[in-house]
Amino acid sequence: MLIEYGDQFEPVPSNIAQRPFPEDHKVQACESEAYVWAKPQPDGTMKFYFAVENPQGVSAKALAAVLDQTLSGAPLDQVMAVEPKIVFDLFGKDLSMGKGAGLTSMVSLTKALAKQQAEK
């Protein structure tokens, strides 16, 4: 299932971001060098975009696909309500400390971008 979601990963389009990606969009503690962007939509929601620089970063790509598919277009309060522990619900409790930290940081950065937009 992880590989299936990883195959659904869509990299950030060049009209949103280009390499080298800015550090302020980098997911801290992510071993796969993941980045997150959000673009406000006319209806008040956001479209989330992700980059995963490590071609072997299947878990990061899978989570990016899940976050995009479930949070893009969702009300901001729903995005902000997602708990980082969802990573362990999706990937299991046996994740390595490093992988768990990176993936939960990806969720946290996505939430932070929604919070920034909500406070505008």
PDB file of N, CA and C in Angstrom:
ATOM      1  N   MET A   1       0.830  -1.190   0.000  1.00  0.00           N
ATOM      2  CA  MET A   1       0.000   0.000   0.000  1.00  0.00           C
ATOM      3  C   MET A   1       0.876   1.257   0.000  1.00  0.00           C
ATOM      4  N   LEU A   2       1.980   1.208   0.743  1.00  0.00           N
ATOM      5  CA  LEU A   2       2.913   2.331   0.800  1.00  0.00           C
ATOM      6  C   LEU A   2       3.437   2.659  -0.599  1.00  0.00           C
ATOM      7  N   ILE A   3       3.821   1.657  -1.347  1.00  0.00           N
ATOM      8  CA  ILE A   3       4.339   1.859  -2.702  1.00  0.00           C
ATOM      9  C   ILE A   3       3.251   2.419  -3.608  1.00  0.00           C
ATOM     10  N   GLU A   4       2.019   1.950  -3.425  1.00  0.00           N
ATOM     11  CA  GLU A   4       0.904   2.439  -4.218  1.00  0.00           C
ATOM     12  C   GLU A   4       0.699   3.941  -4.015  1.00  0.00           C
ATOM     13  N   TYR A   5       0.710   4.382  -2.765  1.00  0.00           N
ATOM     14  CA  TYR A   5       0.581   5.817  -2.496  1.00  0.00           C
ATOM     15  C   TYR A   5       1.807   6.578  -2.976  1.00  0.00           C
ATOM     16  N   GLY A   6       2.980   5.995  -2.822  1.00  0.00           N
ATOM     17  CA  GLY A   6       4.200   6.623  -3.311  1.00  0.00           C
ATOM     18  C   GLY A   6       4.145   6.854  -4.814  1.00  0.00           C
ATOM     19  N   ASP A   7       3.539   5.918  -5.533  1.00  0.00           N
ATOM     20  CA  ASP A   7       3.389   6.056  -6.978  1.00  0.00           C
ATOM     21  C   ASP A   7       2.422   7.181  -7.355  1.00  0.00           C
ATOM     22  N   GLN A   8       1.568   7.590  -6.426  1.00  0.00           N
ATOM     23  CA  GLN A   8       0.613   8.669  -6.681  1.00  0.00           C
ATOM     24  C   GLN A   8       1.212  10.055  -6.390  1.00  0.00           C
ATOM     25  N   PHE A   9       2.423  10.070  -5.863  1.00  0.00           N
ATOM     26  CA  PHE A   9       3.097  11.332  -5.546  1.00  0.00           C
ATOM     27  C   PHE A   9       3.284  12.170  -6.799  1.00  0.00           C
ATOM     28  N   GLU A  10       2.919  13.449  -6.682  1.00  0.00           N
ATOM     29  CA  GLU A  10       3.120  14.403  -7.773  1.00  0.00           C
ATOM     30  C   GLU A  10       4.063  15.486  -7.278  1.00  0.00           C
ATOM     31  N   PRO A  11       5.251  15.614  -7.888  1.00  0.00           N
ATOM     32  CA  PRO A  11       6.209  16.620  -7.425  1.00  0.00           C
ATOM     33  C   PRO A  11       5.689  18.042  -7.645  1.00  0.00           C
ATOM     34  N   VAL A  12       6.204  18.942  -6.837  1.00  0.00           N
ATOM     35  CA  VAL A  12       5.811  20.345  -6.932  1.00  0.00           C
ATOM     36  C   VAL A  12       6.050  20.862  -8.352  1.00  0.00           C
ATOM     37  N   PRO A  13       5.047  21.511  -8.946  1.00  0.00           N
ATOM     38  CA  PRO A  13       5.252  22.043 -10.304  1.00  0.00           C
ATOM     39  C   PRO A  13       6.191  23.253 -10.287  1.00  0.00           C
ATOM     40  N   SER A  14       6.837  23.485 -11.399  1.00  0.00           N
ATOM     41  CA  SER A  14       7.832  24.559 -11.474  1.00  0.00           C
ATOM     42  C   SER A  14       7.227  25.944 -11.309  1.00  0.00           C
ATOM     43  N   ASN A  15       5.929  26.105 -11.528  1.00  0.00           N
ATOM     44  CA  ASN A  15       5.319  27.423 -11.308  1.00  0.00           C
ATOM     45  C   ASN A  15       5.090  27.706  -9.817  1.00  0.00           C
ATOM     46  N   ILE A  16       5.257  26.704  -8.958  1.00  0.00           N
ATOM     47  CA  ILE A  16       5.137  26.888  -7.506  1.00  0.00           C
ATOM     48  C   ILE A  16       6.519  27.035  -6.882  1.00  0.00           C
ATOM     49  N   ALA A  17       7.470  26.211  -7.287  1.00  0.00           N
ATOM     50  CA  ALA A  17       8.827  26.270  -6.721  1.00  0.00           C
ATOM     51  C   ALA A  17       9.821  25.634  -7.677  1.00  0.00           C
ATOM     52  N   GLN A  18      11.048  26.145  -7.618  1.00  0.00           N
ATOM     53  CA  GLN A  18      12.124  25.603  -8.446  1.00  0.00           C
ATOM     54  C   GLN A  18      13.353  25.352  -7.589  1.00  0.00           C
ATOM     55  N   ARG A  19      14.149  24.377  -8.011  1.00  0.00           N
ATOM     56  CA  ARG A  19      15.401  24.068  -7.320  1.00  0.00           C
ATOM     57  C   ARG A  19      16.394  25.193  -7.525  1.00  0.00           C
ATOM     58  N   PRO A  20      17.226  25.455  -6.579  1.00  0.00           N
ATOM     59  CA  PRO A  20      17.239  24.876  -5.231  1.00  0.00           C
ATOM     60  C   PRO A  20      16.071  25.432  -4.413  1.00  0.00           C
ATOM     61  N   PHE A  21      15.395  24.530  -3.719  1.00  0.00           N
ATOM     62  CA  PHE A  21      14.217  24.912  -2.951  1.00  0.00           C
ATOM     63  C   PHE A  21      14.629  25.718  -1.720  1.00  0.00           C
ATOM     64  N   PRO A  22      13.810  26.706  -1.354  1.00  0.00           N
ATOM     65  CA  PRO A  22      14.140  27.539  -0.195  1.00  0.00           C
ATOM     66  C   PRO A  22      14.041  26.775   1.127  1.00  0.00           C
ATOM     67  N   GLU A  23      14.966  27.073   2.002  1.00  0.00           N
ATOM     68  CA  GLU A  23      15.040  26.389   3.304  1.00  0.00           C
ATOM     69  C   GLU A  23      13.784  26.586   4.156  1.00  0.00           C
ATOM     70  N   ASP A  24      13.075  27.704   3.982  1.00  0.00           N
ATOM     71  CA  ASP A  24      11.899  27.941   4.820  1.00  0.00           C
ATOM     72  C   ASP A  24      10.729  27.019   4.463  1.00  0.00           C
ATOM     73  N   HIS A  25      10.863  26.238   3.409  1.00  0.00           N
ATOM     74  CA  HIS A  25       9.837  25.253   3.056  1.00  0.00           C
ATOM     75  C   HIS A  25      10.297  23.821   3.327  1.00  0.00           C
ATOM     76  N   LYS A  26      11.509  23.683   3.849  1.00  0.00           N
ATOM     77  CA  LYS A  26      12.076  22.361   4.099  1.00  0.00           C
ATOM     78  C   LYS A  26      11.495  21.750   5.374  1.00  0.00           C
ATOM     79  N   VAL A  27      11.177  20.474   5.299  1.00  0.00           N
ATOM     80  CA  VAL A  27      10.678  19.728   6.456  1.00  0.00           C
ATOM     81  C   VAL A  27      11.875  19.379   7.331  1.00  0.00           C
ATOM     82  N   GLN A  28      11.872  19.886   8.546  1.00  0.00           N
ATOM     83  CA  GLN A  28      12.967  19.624   9.471  1.00  0.00           C
ATOM     84  C   GLN A  28      12.975  18.146   9.862  1.00  0.00           C
ATOM     85  N   ALA A  29      14.151  17.604  10.013  1.00  0.00           N
ATOM     86  CA  ALA A  29      14.369  16.224  10.469  1.00  0.00           C
ATOM     87  C   ALA A  29      13.977  15.172   9.444  1.00  0.00           C
ATOM     88  N   CYS A  30      13.651  15.578   8.225  1.00  0.00           N
ATOM     89  CA  CYS A  30      13.251  14.592   7.218  1.00  0.00           C
ATOM     90  C   CYS A  30      14.475  14.091   6.472  1.00  0.00           C
ATOM     91  N   GLU A  31      14.712  12.795   6.558  1.00  0.00           N
ATOM     92  CA  GLU A  31      15.850  12.160   5.908  1.00  0.00           C
ATOM     93  C   GLU A  31      15.736  12.184   4.386  1.00  0.00           C
ATOM     94  N   SER A  32      14.540  12.391   3.861  1.00  0.00           N
ATOM     95  CA  SER A  32      14.311  12.378   2.418  1.00  0.00           C
ATOM     96  C   SER A  32      14.322  13.776   1.795  1.00  0.00           C
ATOM     97  N   GLU A  33      14.702  14.772   2.565  1.00  0.00           N
ATOM     98  CA  GLU A  33      14.721  16.158   2.094  1.00  0.00           C
ATOM     99  C   GLU A  33      13.393  16.551   1.462  1.00  0.00           C
ATOM    100  N   ALA A  34      12.361  16.581   2.278  1.00  0.00           N
ATOM    101  CA  ALA A  34      11.027  16.947   1.807  1.00  0.00           C
ATOM    102  C   ALA A  34      10.787  18.438   2.025  1.00  0.00           C
ATOM    103  N   TYR A  35       9.926  18.986   1.174  1.00  0.00           N
ATOM    104  CA  TYR A  35       9.543  20.397   1.220  1.00  0.00           C
ATOM    105  C   TYR A  35       8.034  20.482   1.054  1.00  0.00           C
ATOM    106  N   VAL A  36       7.443  21.548   1.619  1.00  0.00           N
ATOM    107  CA  VAL A  36       5.995  21.736   1.534  1.00  0.00           C
ATOM    108  C   VAL A  36       5.693  23.193   1.167  1.00  0.00           C
ATOM    109  N   TRP A  37       4.727  23.370   0.266  1.00  0.00           N
ATOM    110  CA  TRP A  37       4.206  24.684  -0.098  1.00  0.00           C
ATOM    111  C   TRP A  37       2.690  24.620  -0.041  1.00  0.00           C
ATOM    112  N   ALA A  38       2.069  25.785   0.097  1.00  0.00           N
ATOM    113  CA  ALA A  38       0.612  25.862   0.079  1.00  0.00           C
ATOM    114  C   ALA A  38       0.197  27.094  -0.711  1.00  0.00           C
ATOM    115  N   LYS A  39      -0.777  26.915  -1.563  1.00  0.00           N
ATOM    116  CA  LYS A  39      -1.291  28.032  -2.356  1.00  0.00           C
ATOM    117  C   LYS A  39      -2.752  28.246  -1.981  1.00  0.00           C
ATOM    118  N   PRO A  40      -3.079  29.459  -1.511  1.00  0.00           N
ATOM    119  CA  PRO A  40      -4.475  29.751  -1.179  1.00  0.00           C
ATOM    120  C   PRO A  40      -5.377  29.627  -2.413  1.00  0.00           C
ATOM    121  N   GLN A  41      -6.546  29.096  -2.204  1.00  0.00           N
ATOM    122  CA  GLN A  41      -7.530  28.924  -3.269  1.00  0.00           C
ATOM    123  C   GLN A  41      -8.652  29.952  -3.088  1.00  0.00           C
ATOM    124  N   PRO A  42      -9.371  30.270  -4.152  1.00  0.00           N
ATOM    125  CA  PRO A  42     -10.441  31.282  -4.056  1.00  0.00           C
ATOM    126  C   PRO A  42     -11.505  30.955  -3.011  1.00  0.00           C
ATOM    127  N   ASP A  43     -11.718  29.679  -2.727  1.00  0.00           N
ATOM    128  CA  ASP A  43     -12.757  29.304  -1.755  1.00  0.00           C
ATOM    129  C   ASP A  43     -12.264  29.331  -0.306  1.00  0.00           C
ATOM    130  N   GLY A  44     -11.034  29.814  -0.089  1.00  0.00           N
ATOM    131  CA  GLY A  44     -10.498  29.909   1.276  1.00  0.00           C
ATOM    132  C   GLY A  44      -9.735  28.687   1.722  1.00  0.00           C
ATOM    133  N   THR A  45      -9.702  27.660   0.917  1.00  0.00           N
ATOM    134  CA  THR A  45      -8.916  26.463   1.236  1.00  0.00           C
ATOM    135  C   THR A  45      -7.513  26.643   0.668  1.00  0.00           C
ATOM    136  N   MET A  46      -6.705  25.604   0.761  1.00  0.00           N
ATOM    137  CA  MET A  46      -5.357  25.649   0.218  1.00  0.00           C
ATOM    138  C   MET A  46      -5.089  24.402  -0.604  1.00  0.00           C
ATOM    139  N   LYS A  47      -4.224  24.564  -1.586  1.00  0.00           N
ATOM    140  CA  LYS A  47      -3.704  23.434  -2.352  1.00  0.00           C
ATOM    141  C   LYS A  47      -2.275  23.228  -1.852  1.00  0.00           C
ATOM    142  N   PHE A  48      -1.964  22.029  -1.412  1.00  0.00           N
ATOM    143  CA  PHE A  48      -0.639  21.713  -0.888  1.00  0.00           C
ATOM    144  C   PHE A  48       0.207  21.040  -1.952  1.00  0.00           C
ATOM    145  N   TYR A  49       1.480  21.405  -1.964  1.00  0.00           N
ATOM    146  CA  TYR A  49       2.445  20.860  -2.910  1.00  0.00           C
ATOM    147  C   TYR A  49       3.647  20.356  -2.125  1.00  0.00           C
ATOM    148  N   PHE A  50       4.270  19.304  -2.644  1.00  0.00           N
ATOM    149  CA  PHE A  50       5.386  18.672  -1.947  1.00  0.00           C
ATOM    150  C   PHE A  50       6.518  18.363  -2.907  1.00  0.00           C
ATOM    151  N   ALA A  51       7.722  18.392  -2.386  1.00  0.00           N
ATOM    152  CA  ALA A  51       8.899  17.899  -3.097  1.00  0.00           C
ATOM    153  C   ALA A  51       9.585  16.916  -2.168  1.00  0.00           C
ATOM    154  N   VAL A  52      10.073  15.835  -2.725  1.00  0.00           N
ATOM    155  CA  VAL A  52      10.856  14.847  -1.985  1.00  0.00           C
ATOM    156  C   VAL A  52      12.102  14.615  -2.821  1.00  0.00           C
ATOM    157  N   GLU A  53      13.230  15.095  -2.335  1.00  0.00           N
ATOM    158  CA  GLU A  53      14.450  15.088  -3.111  1.00  0.00           C
ATOM    159  C   GLU A  53      15.151  13.727  -3.148  1.00  0.00           C
ATOM    160  N   ASN A  54      14.914  12.883  -2.175  1.00  0.00           N
ATOM    161  CA  ASN A  54      15.533  11.558  -2.156  1.00  0.00           C
ATOM    162  C   ASN A  54      14.684  10.617  -3.003  1.00  0.00           C
ATOM    163  N   PRO A  55      15.223  10.100  -4.125  1.00  0.00           N
ATOM    164  CA  PRO A  55      14.422   9.206  -4.963  1.00  0.00           C
ATOM    165  C   PRO A  55      14.003   7.927  -4.234  1.00  0.00           C
ATOM    166  N   GLN A  56      14.691   7.586  -3.151  1.00  0.00           N
ATOM    167  CA  GLN A  56      14.339   6.405  -2.355  1.00  0.00           C
ATOM    168  C   GLN A  56      13.343   6.734  -1.241  1.00  0.00           C
ATOM    169  N   GLY A  57      12.878   7.971  -1.164  1.00  0.00           N
ATOM    170  CA  GLY A  57      11.999   8.418  -0.081  1.00  0.00           C
ATOM    171  C   GLY A  57      10.556   7.992  -0.281  1.00  0.00           C
ATOM    172  N   VAL A  58      10.325   6.697  -0.347  1.00  0.00           N
ATOM    173  CA  VAL A  58       8.986   6.161  -0.616  1.00  0.00           C
ATOM    174  C   VAL A  58       7.995   6.573   0.475  1.00  0.00           C
ATOM    175  N   SER A  59       8.403   6.513   1.727  1.00  0.00           N
ATOM    176  CA  SER A  59       7.489   6.878   2.818  1.00  0.00           C
ATOM    177  C   SER A  59       7.107   8.353   2.738  1.00  0.00           C
ATOM    178  N   ALA A  60       8.082   9.215   2.474  1.00  0.00           N
ATOM    179  CA  ALA A  60       7.803  10.653   2.364  1.00  0.00           C
ATOM    180  C   ALA A  60       6.906  10.929   1.162  1.00  0.00           C
ATOM    181  N   LYS A  61       7.147  10.250   0.056  1.00  0.00           N
ATOM    182  CA  LYS A  61       6.301  10.429  -1.127  1.00  0.00           C
ATOM    183  C   LYS A  61       4.883   9.942  -0.858  1.00  0.00           C
ATOM    184  N   ALA A  62       4.773   8.808  -0.179  1.00  0.00           N
ATOM    185  CA  ALA A  62       3.450   8.270   0.142  1.00  0.00           C
ATOM    186  C   ALA A  62       2.686   9.229   1.054  1.00  0.00           C
ATOM    187  N   LEU A  63       3.351   9.743   2.088  1.00  0.00           N
ATOM    188  CA  LEU A  63       2.674  10.669   2.991  1.00  0.00           C
ATOM    189  C   LEU A  63       2.308  11.951   2.249  1.00  0.00           C
ATOM    190  N   ALA A  64       3.185  12.446   1.395  1.00  0.00           N
ATOM    191  CA  ALA A  64       2.878  13.648   0.619  1.00  0.00           C
ATOM    192  C   ALA A  64       1.620  13.429  -0.230  1.00  0.00           C
ATOM    193  N   ALA A  65       1.516  12.267  -0.860  1.00  0.00           N
ATOM    194  CA  ALA A  65       0.334  11.960  -1.671  1.00  0.00           C
ATOM    195  C   ALA A  65      -0.921  11.925  -0.806  1.00  0.00           C
ATOM    196  N   VAL A  66      -0.830  11.308   0.359  1.00  0.00           N
ATOM    197  CA  VAL A  66      -1.985  11.232   1.267  1.00  0.00           C
ATOM    198  C   VAL A  66      -2.386  12.629   1.731  1.00  0.00           C
ATOM    199  N   LEU A  67      -1.408  13.434   2.143  1.00  0.00           N
ATOM    200  CA  LEU A  67      -1.715  14.784   2.623  1.00  0.00           C
ATOM    201  C   LEU A  67      -2.325  15.633   1.515  1.00  0.00           C
ATOM    202  N   ASP A  68      -1.778  15.541   0.321  1.00  0.00           N
ATOM    203  CA  ASP A  68      -2.329  16.304  -0.798  1.00  0.00           C
ATOM    204  C   ASP A  68      -3.766  15.873  -1.075  1.00  0.00           C
ATOM    205  N   GLN A  69      -3.991  14.578  -1.167  1.00  0.00           N
ATOM    206  CA  GLN A  69      -5.315  14.066  -1.520  1.00  0.00           C
ATOM    207  C   GLN A  69      -6.367  14.342  -0.448  1.00  0.00           C
ATOM    208  N   THR A  70      -5.942  14.406   0.809  1.00  0.00           N
ATOM    209  CA  THR A  70      -6.928  14.572   1.882  1.00  0.00           C
ATOM    210  C   THR A  70      -7.039  16.001   2.404  1.00  0.00           C
ATOM    211  N   LEU A  71      -5.971  16.793   2.318  1.00  0.00           N
ATOM    212  CA  LEU A  71      -5.999  18.128   2.912  1.00  0.00           C
ATOM    213  C   LEU A  71      -6.129  19.252   1.896  1.00  0.00           C
ATOM    214  N   SER A  72      -5.674  19.049   0.659  1.00  0.00           N
ATOM    215  CA  SER A  72      -5.876  20.078  -0.359  1.00  0.00           C
ATOM    216  C   SER A  72      -7.380  20.229  -0.586  1.00  0.00           C
ATOM    217  N   GLY A  73      -7.865  21.460  -0.466  1.00  0.00           N
ATOM    218  CA  GLY A  73      -9.290  21.727  -0.632  1.00  0.00           C
ATOM    219  C   GLY A  73     -10.121  21.548   0.621  1.00  0.00           C
ATOM    220  N   ALA A  74      -9.496  21.119   1.717  1.00  0.00           N
ATOM    221  CA  ALA A  74     -10.231  20.952   2.984  1.00  0.00           C
ATOM    222  C   ALA A  74     -10.281  22.293   3.725  1.00  0.00           C
ATOM    223  N   PRO A  75     -11.305  22.514   4.535  1.00  0.00           N
ATOM    224  CA  PRO A  75     -11.342  23.731   5.347  1.00  0.00           C
ATOM    225  C   PRO A  75     -10.091  23.817   6.230  1.00  0.00           C
ATOM    226  N   LEU A  76      -9.585  25.030   6.416  1.00  0.00           N
ATOM    227  CA  LEU A  76      -8.343  25.208   7.161  1.00  0.00           C
ATOM    228  C   LEU A  76      -8.421  24.660   8.578  1.00  0.00           C
ATOM    229  N   ASP A  77      -9.584  24.771   9.225  1.00  0.00           N
ATOM    230  CA  ASP A  77      -9.692  24.243  10.590  1.00  0.00           C
ATOM    231  C   ASP A  77      -9.526  22.727  10.613  1.00  0.00           C
ATOM    232  N   GLN A  78      -9.950  22.048   9.557  1.00  0.00           N
ATOM    233  CA  GLN A  78      -9.748  20.607   9.477  1.00  0.00           C
ATOM    234  C   GLN A  78      -8.268  20.267   9.274  1.00  0.00           C
ATOM    235  N   VAL A  79      -7.585  21.055   8.453  1.00  0.00           N
ATOM    236  CA  VAL A  79      -6.151  20.837   8.238  1.00  0.00           C
ATOM    237  C   VAL A  79      -5.406  21.036   9.554  1.00  0.00           C
ATOM    238  N   MET A  80      -5.748  22.104  10.273  1.00  0.00           N
ATOM    239  CA  MET A  80      -5.061  22.404  11.533  1.00  0.00           C
ATOM    240  C   MET A  80      -5.379  21.379  12.622  1.00  0.00           C
ATOM    241  N   ALA A  81      -6.465  20.637  12.474  1.00  0.00           N
ATOM    242  CA  ALA A  81      -6.861  19.646  13.484  1.00  0.00           C
ATOM    243  C   ALA A  81      -6.145  18.305  13.315  1.00  0.00           C
ATOM    244  N   VAL A  82      -5.470  18.101  12.205  1.00  0.00           N
ATOM    245  CA  VAL A  82      -4.776  16.828  11.969  1.00  0.00           C
ATOM    246  C   VAL A  82      -3.611  16.717  12.948  1.00  0.00           C
ATOM    247  N   GLU A  83      -3.546  15.620  13.640  1.00  0.00           N
ATOM    248  CA  GLU A  83      -2.470  15.393  14.607  1.00  0.00           C
ATOM    249  C   GLU A  83      -1.303  14.690  13.932  1.00  0.00           C
ATOM    250  N   PRO A  84      -0.072  15.107  14.216  1.00  0.00           N
ATOM    251  CA  PRO A  84       1.087  14.444  13.620  1.00  0.00           C
ATOM    252  C   PRO A  84       1.147  12.940  13.893  1.00  0.00           C
ATOM    253  N   LYS A  85       0.503  12.491  14.951  1.00  0.00           N
ATOM    254  CA  LYS A  85       0.506  11.052  15.257  1.00  0.00           C
ATOM    255  C   LYS A  85      -0.203  10.235  14.183  1.00  0.00           C
ATOM    256  N   ILE A  86      -0.869  10.905  13.265  1.00  0.00           N
ATOM    257  CA  ILE A  86      -1.506  10.192  12.155  1.00  0.00           C
ATOM    258  C   ILE A  86      -0.468   9.384  11.371  1.00  0.00           C
ATOM    259  N   VAL A  87       0.769   9.837  11.404  1.00  0.00           N
ATOM    260  CA  VAL A  87       1.852   9.113  10.729  1.00  0.00           C
ATOM    261  C   VAL A  87       1.931   7.679  11.246  1.00  0.00           C
ATOM    262  N   PHE A  88       1.820   7.508  12.552  1.00  0.00           N
ATOM    263  CA  PHE A  88       1.922   6.171  13.146  1.00  0.00           C
ATOM    264  C   PHE A  88       0.658   5.358  12.876  1.00  0.00           C
ATOM    265  N   ASP A  89      -0.485   6.041  12.722  1.00  0.00           N
ATOM    266  CA  ASP A  89      -1.712   5.346  12.346  1.00  0.00           C
ATOM    267  C   ASP A  89      -1.592   4.799  10.918  1.00  0.00           C
ATOM    268  N   LEU A  90      -0.928   5.557  10.050  1.00  0.00           N
ATOM    269  CA  LEU A  90      -0.784   5.153   8.648  1.00  0.00           C
ATOM    270  C   LEU A  90       0.342   4.147   8.423  1.00  0.00           C
ATOM    271  N   PHE A  91       1.476   4.379   9.088  1.00  0.00           N
ATOM    272  CA  PHE A  91       2.679   3.591   8.804  1.00  0.00           C
ATOM    273  C   PHE A  91       3.015   2.558   9.880  1.00  0.00           C
ATOM    274  N   GLY A  92       2.307   2.597  10.982  1.00  0.00           N
ATOM    275  CA  GLY A  92       2.566   1.651  12.062  1.00  0.00           C
ATOM    276  C   GLY A  92       3.487   2.220  13.118  1.00  0.00           C
ATOM    277  N   LYS A  93       3.491   1.582  14.259  1.00  0.00           N
ATOM    278  CA  LYS A  93       4.255   2.058  15.416  1.00  0.00           C
ATOM    279  C   LYS A  93       5.730   1.687  15.348  1.00  0.00           C
ATOM    280  N   ASP A  94       6.116   0.869  14.388  1.00  0.00           N
ATOM    281  CA  ASP A  94       7.490   0.393  14.311  1.00  0.00           C
ATOM    282  C   ASP A  94       8.401   1.251  13.429  1.00  0.00           C
ATOM    283  N   LEU A  95       7.979   2.476  13.107  1.00  0.00           N
ATOM    284  CA  LEU A  95       8.833   3.375  12.326  1.00  0.00           C
ATOM    285  C   LEU A  95      10.108   3.689  13.101  1.00  0.00           C
ATOM    286  N   SER A  96      11.199   3.853  12.387  1.00  0.00           N
ATOM    287  CA  SER A  96      12.433   4.270  13.064  1.00  0.00           C
ATOM    288  C   SER A  96      12.242   5.677  13.610  1.00  0.00           C
ATOM    289  N   MET A  97      13.046   6.033  14.584  1.00  0.00           N
ATOM    290  CA  MET A  97      12.927   7.351  15.194  1.00  0.00           C
ATOM    291  C   MET A  97      13.124   8.450  14.149  1.00  0.00           C
ATOM    292  N   GLY A  98      14.112   8.280  13.278  1.00  0.00           N
ATOM    293  CA  GLY A  98      14.392   9.281  12.252  1.00  0.00           C
ATOM    294  C   GLY A  98      13.256   9.439  11.255  1.00  0.00           C
ATOM    295  N   LYS A  99      12.749   8.319  10.781  1.00  0.00           N
ATOM    296  CA  LYS A  99      11.648   8.366   9.812  1.00  0.00           C
ATOM    297  C   LYS A  99      10.395   8.945  10.452  1.00  0.00           C
ATOM    298  N   GLY A 100      10.113   8.537  11.673  1.00  0.00           N
ATOM    299  CA  GLY A 100       8.949   9.071  12.386  1.00  0.00           C
ATOM    300  C   GLY A 100       9.045  10.571  12.595  1.00  0.00           C
ATOM    301  N   ALA A 101      10.237  11.047  12.958  1.00  0.00           N
ATOM    302  CA  ALA A 101      10.433  12.484  13.182  1.00  0.00           C
ATOM    303  C   ALA A 101      10.237  13.262  11.889  1.00  0.00           C
ATOM    304  N   GLY A 102      10.781  12.761  10.795  1.00  0.00           N
ATOM    305  CA  GLY A 102      10.638  13.461   9.525  1.00  0.00           C
ATOM    306  C   GLY A 102       9.210  13.499   9.035  1.00  0.00           C
ATOM    307  N   LEU A 103       8.522  12.381   9.116  1.00  0.00           N
ATOM    308  CA  LEU A 103       7.143  12.323   8.628  1.00  0.00           C
ATOM    309  C   LEU A 103       6.197  13.141   9.494  1.00  0.00           C
ATOM    310  N   THR A 104       6.381  13.103  10.807  1.00  0.00           N
ATOM    311  CA  THR A 104       5.527  13.938  11.663  1.00  0.00           C
ATOM    312  C   THR A 104       5.831  15.419  11.440  1.00  0.00           C
ATOM    313  N   SER A 105       7.074  15.737  11.123  1.00  0.00           N
ATOM    314  CA  SER A 105       7.420  17.128  10.808  1.00  0.00           C
ATOM    315  C   SER A 105       6.747  17.582   9.517  1.00  0.00           C
ATOM    316  N   MET A 106       6.561  16.669   8.576  1.00  0.00           N
ATOM    317  CA  MET A 106       5.865  17.013   7.338  1.00  0.00           C
ATOM    318  C   MET A 106       4.414  17.399   7.637  1.00  0.00           C
ATOM    319  N   VAL A 107       3.777  16.637   8.505  1.00  0.00           N
ATOM    320  CA  VAL A 107       2.404  16.960   8.913  1.00  0.00           C
ATOM    321  C   VAL A 107       2.389  18.304   9.638  1.00  0.00           C
ATOM    322  N   SER A 108       3.332  18.506  10.532  1.00  0.00           N
ATOM    323  CA  SER A 108       3.383  19.756  11.310  1.00  0.00           C
ATOM    324  C   SER A 108       3.584  20.978  10.420  1.00  0.00           C
ATOM    325  N   LEU A 109       4.439  20.877   9.413  1.00  0.00           N
ATOM    326  CA  LEU A 109       4.660  22.005   8.514  1.00  0.00           C
ATOM    327  C   LEU A 109       3.409  22.284   7.682  1.00  0.00           C
ATOM    328  N   THR A 110       2.728  21.241   7.253  1.00  0.00           N
ATOM    329  CA  THR A 110       1.478  21.420   6.507  1.00  0.00           C
ATOM    330  C   THR A 110       0.455  22.155   7.368  1.00  0.00           C
ATOM    331  N   LYS A 111       0.344  21.749   8.618  1.00  0.00           N
ATOM    332  CA  LYS A 111      -0.572  22.414   9.555  1.00  0.00           C
ATOM    333  C   LYS A 111      -0.172  23.868   9.776  1.00  0.00           C
ATOM    334  N   ALA A 112       1.119  24.127   9.902  1.00  0.00           N
ATOM    335  CA  ALA A 112       1.614  25.483  10.142  1.00  0.00           C
ATOM    336  C   ALA A 112       1.275  26.403   8.973  1.00  0.00           C
ATOM    337  N   LEU A 113       1.384  25.902   7.753  1.00  0.00           N
ATOM    338  CA  LEU A 113       1.031  26.712   6.589  1.00  0.00           C
ATOM    339  C   LEU A 113      -0.465  27.047   6.591  1.00  0.00           C
ATOM    340  N   ALA A 114      -1.291  26.098   6.983  1.00  0.00           N
ATOM    341  CA  ALA A 114      -2.730  26.355   7.089  1.00  0.00           C
ATOM    342  C   ALA A 114      -3.009  27.386   8.183  1.00  0.00           C
ATOM    343  N   LYS A 115      -2.298  27.286   9.292  1.00  0.00           N
ATOM    344  CA  LYS A 115      -2.485  28.240  10.391  1.00  0.00           C
ATOM    345  C   LYS A 115      -2.078  29.646   9.960  1.00  0.00           C
ATOM    346  N   GLN A 116      -0.974  29.767   9.255  1.00  0.00           N
ATOM    347  CA  GLN A 116      -0.549  31.076   8.762  1.00  0.00           C
ATOM    348  C   GLN A 116      -1.632  31.699   7.883  1.00  0.00           C
ATOM    349  N   GLN A 117      -2.208  30.892   7.021  1.00  0.00           N
ATOM    350  CA  GLN A 117      -3.266  31.399   6.130  1.00  0.00           C
ATOM    351  C   GLN A 117      -4.505  31.775   6.928  1.00  0.00           C
ATOM    352  N   ALA A 118      -4.862  30.987   7.910  1.00  0.00           N
ATOM    353  CA  ALA A 118      -6.053  31.260   8.712  1.00  0.00           C
ATOM    354  C   ALA A 118      -5.920  32.564   9.512  1.00  0.00           C
ATOM    355  N   GLU A 119      -4.702  32.904   9.870  1.00  0.00           N
ATOM    356  CA  GLU A 119      -4.471  34.108  10.672  1.00  0.00           C
ATOM    357  C   GLU A 119      -4.400  35.385   9.842  1.00  0.00           C
ATOM    358  N   LYS A 120      -4.455  35.253   8.524  1.00  0.00           N
ATOM    359  CA  LYS A 120      -4.409  36.448   7.651  1.00  0.00           C
ATOM    360  C   LYS A 120      -5.722  37.166   7.632  1.00  0.00           C
TER     361      LYS A 120
END
